[in-house]
């Protein structure tokens, strides 16, 4: 089921305002399409809930829980199970758009133009949501040109900056392999298990490659190709929504986005405004909350030149 069929099923009637409350399967598919719009979106953890606010359970097992077996005895020892909760509180967002009937009539794509626009809107919704997952900040100064966008919810960068491991690179004169190792050293070994990933902007990834190439040219040697994309043997994921001065280190599955099932897509071609302006109006409604399971398993490099 693609997003076009989802839109159509949610708004079959076109003679009145059609309000489509997606069923759980359609809602999950629609939200999944927004995640697939970006590389990081396909790696993070997604949780679907029915309540706007609530808790997500964390279940863990203690380490070094084996004991020597003694025949026919029970010393009362039991392996420890650790449980806790992460609170979430979703924020409602919407994406409105419109298409003129004239555009539909005169466009070379004809009626397919509506589907093309819907595809573009779904993709852009995914891009915008990832931007918010990372950069959202409810304390954004209202002088910021993107104030109305960024203030919607607190994103992962703010959460990690306030509770994760922070490496200040503002005193570094240039990039170096050392800053990656120094940042990695701040994360406990139990999380350094092969699942960590560097999250950085495409430009920062390219500048890292250029830094290594300059070193090779200067020394007349060769750098293994793996180092270009895996500093400290940790693969990098390029995230266009990240600024060039910031690099995140964590397991992408440690980053969680909570959505609810009540995703709505509304469409109308009637009503006074639609008739007078000869337009079709659309709005997608959903909610989200970006949370982190283990802040201790996160690190951030800030202030890169």
Protein backbone atom coordinates (compact mmCIF):
# COMPACT_ATOMS: atom_id res chain seq x y z
CA UNK A 1 0.00 0.00 0.00
CA UNK A 2 1.61 3.28 -1.05
CA UNK A 3 0.87 6.72 0.34
CA UNK A 4 -1.47 7.50 -2.57
CA UNK A 5 -3.82 4.66 -1.66
CA UNK A 6 -3.60 5.71 1.98
CA UNK A 7 -4.63 9.25 1.09
CA UNK A 8 -7.42 7.99 -1.14
CA UNK A 9 -8.81 5.60 1.46
CA UNK A 10 -8.71 8.32 4.10
CA UNK A 11 -10.58 10.78 1.88
CA UNK A 12 -12.82 8.90 -0.50
CA UNK A 13 -15.71 11.37 -0.52
CA UNK A 14 -14.93 14.56 -2.39
CA UNK A 15 -18.28 16.30 -2.30
CA UNK A 16 -17.98 17.29 1.36
CA UNK A 17 -15.20 17.70 3.88
CA UNK A 18 -13.81 14.21 4.23
CA UNK A 19 -12.12 13.40 7.52
CA UNK A 20 -10.05 10.23 7.39
CA UNK A 21 -9.05 8.57 10.62
CA UNK A 22 -6.57 5.95 9.47
CA UNK A 23 -6.91 2.48 10.90
CA UNK A 24 -3.85 1.15 12.81
CA UNK A 25 -2.39 -0.60 9.72
CA UNK A 26 -2.78 2.47 7.48
CA UNK A 27 -1.48 4.80 10.17
CA UNK A 28 1.60 2.64 10.77
CA UNK A 29 2.28 2.46 7.02
CA UNK A 30 1.90 6.21 6.55
CA UNK A 31 4.28 6.98 9.43
CA UNK A 32 6.72 4.34 8.15
CA UNK A 33 6.82 6.16 4.81
CA UNK A 34 7.87 9.35 6.57
CA UNK A 35 10.74 7.47 8.25
CA UNK A 36 11.83 5.97 4.93
CA UNK A 37 12.26 9.47 3.52
CA UNK A 38 15.66 9.76 5.27
CA UNK A 39 18.61 7.46 5.94
CA UNK A 40 18.48 7.92 9.72
CA UNK A 41 14.72 7.41 9.75
CA UNK A 42 15.18 3.81 8.68
CA UNK A 43 17.60 3.09 11.56
CA UNK A 44 15.91 4.54 14.63
CA UNK A 45 13.36 2.82 16.85
CA UNK A 46 9.64 3.52 16.37
CA UNK A 47 6.96 3.04 19.00
CA UNK A 48 3.23 3.25 18.25
CA UNK A 49 0.92 4.09 21.15
CA UNK A 50 -2.75 4.94 21.48
CA UNK A 51 -2.36 7.40 24.38
CA UNK A 52 -0.98 10.91 23.80
CA UNK A 53 1.14 10.64 26.95
CA UNK A 54 2.47 7.63 28.80
CA UNK A 55 5.49 5.48 29.50
CA UNK A 56 7.62 3.05 27.54
CA UNK A 57 8.97 0.14 29.55
CA UNK A 58 12.69 -0.61 29.74
CA UNK A 59 13.64 -4.17 30.69
CA UNK A 60 17.26 -5.10 31.34
CA UNK A 61 19.32 -7.90 32.82
CA UNK A 62 22.18 -7.41 35.29
CA UNK A 63 25.70 -8.54 34.30
CA UNK A 64 27.81 -11.37 35.81
CA UNK A 65 24.77 -13.30 36.94
CA UNK A 66 26.15 -16.85 36.56
CA UNK A 67 26.92 -18.84 39.73
CA UNK A 68 28.64 -22.12 40.42
CA UNK A 69 26.26 -25.05 40.48
CA UNK A 70 26.13 -27.17 43.63
CA UNK A 71 24.17 -30.41 43.34
CA UNK A 72 20.88 -30.71 45.23
CA UNK A 73 21.09 -27.22 46.74
CA UNK A 74 19.21 -23.95 46.31
CA UNK A 75 21.02 -20.98 47.78
CA UNK A 76 18.11 -18.68 46.99
CA UNK A 77 20.04 -16.72 44.35
CA UNK A 78 18.09 -15.44 41.33
CA UNK A 79 19.27 -13.46 38.33
CA UNK A 80 18.23 -9.83 38.61
CA UNK A 81 15.83 -8.24 36.14
CA UNK A 82 15.87 -4.44 36.01
CA UNK A 83 12.78 -2.55 34.93
CA UNK A 84 12.17 1.17 34.47
CA UNK A 85 10.12 3.52 32.32
CA UNK A 86 10.71 6.36 29.88
CA UNK A 87 8.03 9.01 29.83
CA UNK A 88 6.76 10.42 26.57
CA UNK A 89 4.36 13.21 25.68
CA UNK A 90 3.49 13.58 22.01
CA UNK A 91 3.05 16.93 20.29
CA UNK A 92 0.43 17.37 17.58
CA UNK A 93 1.62 18.70 14.21
CA UNK A 94 0.00 19.27 10.84
CA UNK A 95 0.99 19.64 7.20
CA UNK A 96 -1.50 21.57 5.03
CA UNK A 97 -1.29 21.98 1.25
CA UNK A 98 -3.55 22.91 -1.61
CA UNK A 99 -3.82 22.40 -5.37
CA UNK A 100 -5.76 24.58 -7.79
CA UNK A 101 -8.16 22.91 -10.19
CA UNK A 102 -6.54 24.93 -12.97
CA UNK A 103 -3.20 23.33 -12.20
CA UNK A 104 -4.78 19.88 -12.39
CA UNK A 105 -6.40 20.70 -15.73
CA UNK A 106 -3.38 22.31 -17.38
CA UNK A 107 -0.54 20.26 -15.92
CA UNK A 108 0.95 17.72 -18.31
CA UNK A 109 0.56 15.07 -15.62
CA UNK A 110 -3.21 15.69 -15.41
CA UNK A 111 -4.94 14.01 -12.48
CA UNK A 112 -1.69 12.18 -11.66
CA UNK A 113 -0.36 15.57 -10.55
CA UNK A 114 -2.34 15.18 -7.31
CA UNK A 115 -0.55 11.92 -6.57
CA UNK A 116 2.86 13.42 -7.38
CA UNK A 117 2.25 16.31 -4.98
CA UNK A 118 1.08 13.87 -2.30
CA UNK A 119 4.30 11.87 -2.74
CA UNK A 120 6.38 15.04 -2.42
CA UNK A 121 4.48 16.14 0.68
CA UNK A 122 4.92 12.76 2.34
CA UNK A 123 8.67 12.84 1.64
CA UNK A 124 9.02 16.40 2.89
CA UNK A 125 7.04 15.51 6.00
CA UNK A 126 9.64 12.82 6.74
CA UNK A 127 12.52 15.25 6.16
CA UNK A 128 10.94 17.92 8.38
CA UNK A 129 10.19 15.42 11.14
CA UNK A 130 13.80 14.19 11.21
CA UNK A 131 14.91 17.82 11.43
CA UNK A 132 12.67 18.23 14.49
CA UNK A 133 13.76 14.91 16.01
CA UNK A 134 17.33 16.21 15.96
CA UNK A 135 17.12 20.00 16.30
CA UNK A 136 13.83 20.72 18.05
CA UNK A 137 14.17 23.12 20.98
CA UNK A 138 11.22 24.53 22.88
CA UNK A 139 13.49 27.30 24.20
CA UNK A 140 14.40 28.59 20.73
CA UNK A 141 14.71 32.38 20.73
CA UNK A 142 11.81 33.95 18.84
CA UNK A 143 14.30 36.05 16.86
CA UNK A 144 15.31 32.84 15.06
CA UNK A 145 13.81 32.75 11.57
CA UNK A 146 12.82 29.11 12.15
CA UNK A 147 11.31 29.79 15.59
CA UNK A 148 7.82 28.51 14.75
CA UNK A 149 9.31 25.28 13.42
CA UNK A 150 12.02 24.49 15.99
CA UNK A 151 9.98 25.31 19.13
CA UNK A 152 7.51 22.45 18.54
CA UNK A 153 9.34 19.92 20.72
CA UNK A 154 12.76 19.20 22.27
CA UNK A 155 14.93 17.05 20.00
CA UNK A 156 17.76 14.60 20.57
CA UNK A 157 20.57 17.17 20.34
CA UNK A 158 19.14 19.17 23.23
CA UNK A 159 18.46 16.03 25.26
CA UNK A 160 21.99 14.68 24.75
CA UNK A 161 23.52 18.10 25.42
CA UNK A 162 21.68 18.22 28.75
CA UNK A 163 22.11 14.63 29.89
CA UNK A 164 24.55 12.75 27.67
CA UNK A 165 28.33 12.90 27.32
CA UNK A 166 29.54 16.16 25.78
CA UNK A 167 32.89 16.74 24.08
CA UNK A 168 33.63 20.42 23.47
CA UNK A 169 35.71 20.71 20.30
CA UNK A 170 35.67 24.51 20.16
CA UNK A 171 39.34 24.64 21.16
CA UNK A 172 40.35 22.23 18.38
CA UNK A 173 42.05 24.03 15.49
CA UNK A 174 41.06 21.32 12.99
CA UNK A 175 39.55 17.88 12.71
CA UNK A 176 41.55 14.97 14.03
CA UNK A 177 41.18 11.29 14.72
CA UNK A 178 41.82 12.04 18.40
CA UNK A 179 38.52 13.88 18.86
CA UNK A 180 36.61 10.76 17.77
CA UNK A 181 38.52 8.55 20.21
CA UNK A 182 38.19 11.07 23.05
CA UNK A 183 34.44 11.23 22.49
CA UNK A 184 34.14 7.45 22.29
CA UNK A 185 36.08 7.09 25.56
CA UNK A 186 33.29 8.91 27.41
CA UNK A 187 30.73 6.19 26.63
CA UNK A 188 30.79 3.16 29.00
CA UNK A 189 32.24 0.03 27.44
CA UNK A 190 28.99 -1.91 27.81
CA UNK A 191 27.47 0.33 25.11
CA UNK A 192 30.53 0.09 22.85
CA UNK A 193 29.22 -3.15 21.41
CA UNK A 194 29.40 -2.69 17.64
CA UNK A 195 26.02 -0.94 17.41
CA UNK A 196 27.27 2.63 17.84
CA UNK A 197 27.13 5.03 14.88
CA UNK A 198 28.53 8.50 14.23
CA UNK A 199 25.78 10.83 13.04
CA UNK A 200 27.13 13.78 11.08
CA UNK A 201 26.20 16.15 8.28
CA UNK A 202 27.21 15.19 4.72
CA UNK A 203 29.57 18.19 4.56
CA UNK A 204 31.28 17.15 7.81
CA UNK A 205 31.72 13.62 6.43
CA UNK A 206 33.28 15.07 3.28
CA UNK A 207 35.55 17.35 5.29
CA UNK A 208 36.69 14.36 7.32
CA UNK A 209 37.56 12.60 4.06
CA UNK A 210 39.44 15.69 2.85
CA UNK A 211 41.33 15.88 6.14
CA UNK A 212 42.51 12.29 5.69
CA UNK A 213 43.41 12.84 2.03
CA UNK A 214 45.54 15.84 2.95
CA UNK A 215 47.32 13.74 5.58
CA UNK A 216 47.99 11.03 3.01
CA UNK A 217 49.28 13.47 0.42
CA UNK A 218 51.50 15.14 3.00
CA UNK A 219 52.95 11.87 4.27
CA UNK A 220 53.04 10.09 0.94
CA UNK A 221 51.17 7.12 2.37
CA UNK A 222 47.76 5.52 2.09
CA UNK A 223 44.75 5.54 4.38
CA UNK A 224 42.48 2.46 4.54
CA UNK A 225 39.15 3.19 2.89
CA UNK A 226 37.28 2.03 6.00
CA UNK A 227 38.60 4.98 8.03
CA UNK A 228 36.84 7.41 5.70
CA UNK A 229 33.44 6.15 6.73
CA UNK A 230 34.23 4.53 10.10
CA UNK A 231 36.36 6.65 12.47
CA UNK A 232 37.45 4.46 15.41
CA UNK A 233 35.89 1.51 13.52
CA UNK A 234 32.41 2.98 14.03
CA UNK A 235 30.38 3.54 10.82
CA UNK A 236 29.09 7.03 10.04
CA UNK A 237 25.53 7.90 9.04
CA UNK A 238 25.07 11.12 7.09
CA UNK A 239 22.18 13.28 8.34
CA UNK A 240 21.50 16.43 6.27
CA UNK A 241 19.47 17.89 9.17
CA UNK A 242 22.57 18.03 11.39
CA UNK A 243 24.64 21.21 11.41
CA UNK A 244 28.32 20.97 10.49
CA UNK A 245 29.52 21.82 14.03
CA UNK A 246 27.82 18.82 15.66
CA UNK A 247 28.45 15.06 15.60
CA UNK A 248 26.39 12.56 17.59
CA UNK A 249 27.50 9.13 18.78
CA UNK A 250 24.95 6.49 19.79
CA UNK A 251 23.17 3.33 18.73
CA UNK A 252 20.38 4.57 16.40
CA UNK A 253 18.00 2.15 18.14
CA UNK A 254 18.63 4.15 21.31
CA UNK A 255 16.79 7.00 19.61
CA UNK A 256 13.02 6.51 19.82
CA UNK A 257 10.13 8.27 18.13
CA UNK A 258 6.70 7.75 19.65
CA UNK A 259 3.58 8.20 17.48
CA UNK A 260 -0.08 7.45 18.12
CA UNK A 261 -2.51 5.68 15.82
CA UNK A 262 -4.86 8.62 15.30
CA UNK A 263 -3.19 9.92 12.15
CA UNK A 264 -5.69 11.93 10.14
CA UNK A 265 -5.63 13.02 6.52
CA UNK A 266 -8.36 15.40 5.43
CA UNK A 267 -9.28 16.57 1.96
CA UNK A 268 -12.02 18.83 0.63
CA UNK A 269 -13.00 20.21 -2.74
CA UNK A 270 -16.19 21.85 -1.47
CA UNK A 271 -17.10 24.66 0.86
CA UNK A 272 -17.10 28.40 0.21
CA UNK A 273 -13.31 28.84 0.09
CA UNK A 274 -12.74 25.81 -2.13
CA UNK A 275 -15.46 26.96 -4.54
CA UNK A 276 -14.40 30.62 -4.65
CA UNK A 277 -10.71 29.79 -5.09
CA UNK A 278 -11.31 26.67 -7.21
CA UNK A 279 -8.90 24.64 -5.09
CA UNK A 280 -8.51 21.31 -3.35
CA UNK A 281 -7.35 21.52 0.26
CA UNK A 282 -5.45 18.83 2.17
CA UNK A 283 -4.16 18.52 5.74
CA UNK A 284 -2.20 15.68 7.35
CA UNK A 285 -2.48 15.53 11.16
CA UNK A 286 -0.24 13.39 13.39
CA UNK A 287 1.79 13.64 16.57
CA UNK A 288 5.23 12.59 17.78
CA UNK A 289 7.75 12.70 20.63
CA UNK A 290 11.48 12.02 20.18
CA UNK A 291 12.91 10.37 23.30
CA UNK A 292 16.11 8.52 24.24
CA UNK A 293 16.22 5.17 26.02
CA UNK A 294 19.69 5.50 27.60
CA UNK A 295 21.27 8.94 27.82
CA UNK A 296 24.41 7.33 29.24
CA UNK A 297 24.82 5.60 25.87
CA UNK A 298 25.01 8.91 23.97
CA UNK A 299 27.75 11.42 23.24
CA UNK A 300 27.90 14.67 21.28
CA UNK A 301 30.77 16.61 19.75
CA UNK A 302 29.99 20.33 19.76
CA UNK A 303 31.72 23.40 18.44
CA UNK A 304 33.63 21.83 15.56
CA UNK A 305 35.37 24.33 13.33
